[in-house]
Amino acid sequence: MAISIRDKTTDPAKIVATLKSDQKVAARLSNYDLKPVYTRSTVNSGPSFVTEDNIAPVQKYAGSYR
């Protein structure tokens, strides 16, 4: 939503391209082990499930953020 407002666009392709090219976003995704799914019209960032395979980042940040 912030990109949409900042860049004055509602074009999902432009928003996704901006997200994918932003190094700060890439670092944040990597840091928190997030794996959004980009489609032609949306960015699906959830729901997410905690499993034995991905519990490490959850444990690392548990209680730090709401």
Protein backbone atom coordinates (compact mmCIF):
# COMPACT_ATOMS: atom_id res chain seq x y z
CA MET A 1 0.00 0.00 0.00
CA ALA A 2 2.83 2.39 0.80
CA ILE A 3 4.36 1.86 -2.64
CA SER A 4 0.99 2.43 -4.27
CA ILE A 5 0.59 5.76 -2.50
CA ARG A 6 4.20 6.87 -2.90
CA ASP A 7 4.37 6.01 -6.61
CA LYS A 8 0.77 7.02 -7.30
CA THR A 9 -0.07 3.71 -8.95
CA THR A 10 -2.54 0.90 -8.53
CA ASP A 11 -0.84 -1.23 -11.19
CA PRO A 12 0.05 -4.51 -9.42
CA ALA A 13 2.84 -5.27 -11.91
CA LYS A 14 4.57 -1.97 -11.09
CA ILE A 15 4.16 -2.51 -7.35
CA VAL A 16 5.56 -6.07 -7.55
CA ALA A 17 8.49 -4.88 -9.70
CA THR A 18 9.27 -2.19 -7.13
CA LEU A 19 9.14 -4.71 -4.27
CA LYS A 20 11.37 -7.18 -6.08
CA SER A 21 14.01 -4.55 -6.92
CA ASP A 22 14.16 -2.95 -3.45
CA GLN A 23 17.28 -4.10 -1.60
CA LYS A 24 15.86 -3.11 1.80
CA VAL A 25 12.79 -5.27 1.18
CA ALA A 26 15.01 -8.16 0.05
CA ALA A 27 17.12 -7.85 3.21
CA ARG A 28 14.04 -7.74 5.43
CA LEU A 29 12.55 -10.81 3.75
CA SER A 30 15.82 -12.67 4.15
CA ASN A 31 16.29 -11.56 7.76
CA TYR A 32 12.87 -12.78 8.83
CA ASP A 33 12.88 -15.78 6.46
CA LEU A 34 9.75 -14.53 4.69
CA LYS A 35 8.76 -15.90 1.30
CA PRO A 36 5.93 -13.89 -0.25
CA VAL A 37 4.23 -15.23 -3.36
CA TYR A 38 4.07 -12.69 -6.16
CA THR A 39 1.26 -13.02 -8.70
CA ARG A 40 0.19 -10.75 -11.55
CA SER A 41 -2.36 -9.02 -9.34
CA THR A 42 -1.34 -9.55 -5.71
CA VAL A 43 1.46 -10.09 -3.23
CA ASN A 44 0.45 -12.95 -0.98
CA SER A 45 2.30 -12.67 2.31
CA GLY A 46 0.17 -14.99 4.40
CA PRO A 47 -1.19 -16.92 6.05
CA SER A 48 1.95 -18.49 7.37
CA PHE A 49 2.33 -21.57 9.47
CA VAL A 50 5.09 -22.37 11.93
CA THR A 51 6.51 -25.85 11.44
CA GLU A 52 9.60 -27.71 12.61
CA ASP A 53 11.31 -26.61 9.39
CA ASN A 54 10.86 -22.85 9.94
CA ILE A 55 10.71 -22.42 13.70
CA ALA A 56 14.20 -20.89 14.12
CA PRO A 57 13.33 -17.35 12.93
CA VAL A 58 10.07 -17.47 14.86
CA GLN A 59 11.88 -18.38 18.07
CA LYS A 60 14.53 -15.73 17.40
CA TYR A 61 11.99 -12.90 17.24
CA ALA A 62 9.30 -14.23 19.59
CA GLY A 63 8.31 -11.55 22.05
CA SER A 64 10.24 -8.84 20.19
CA TYR A 65 7.42 -7.76 17.93
CA ARG A 66 3.70 -7.93 18.19
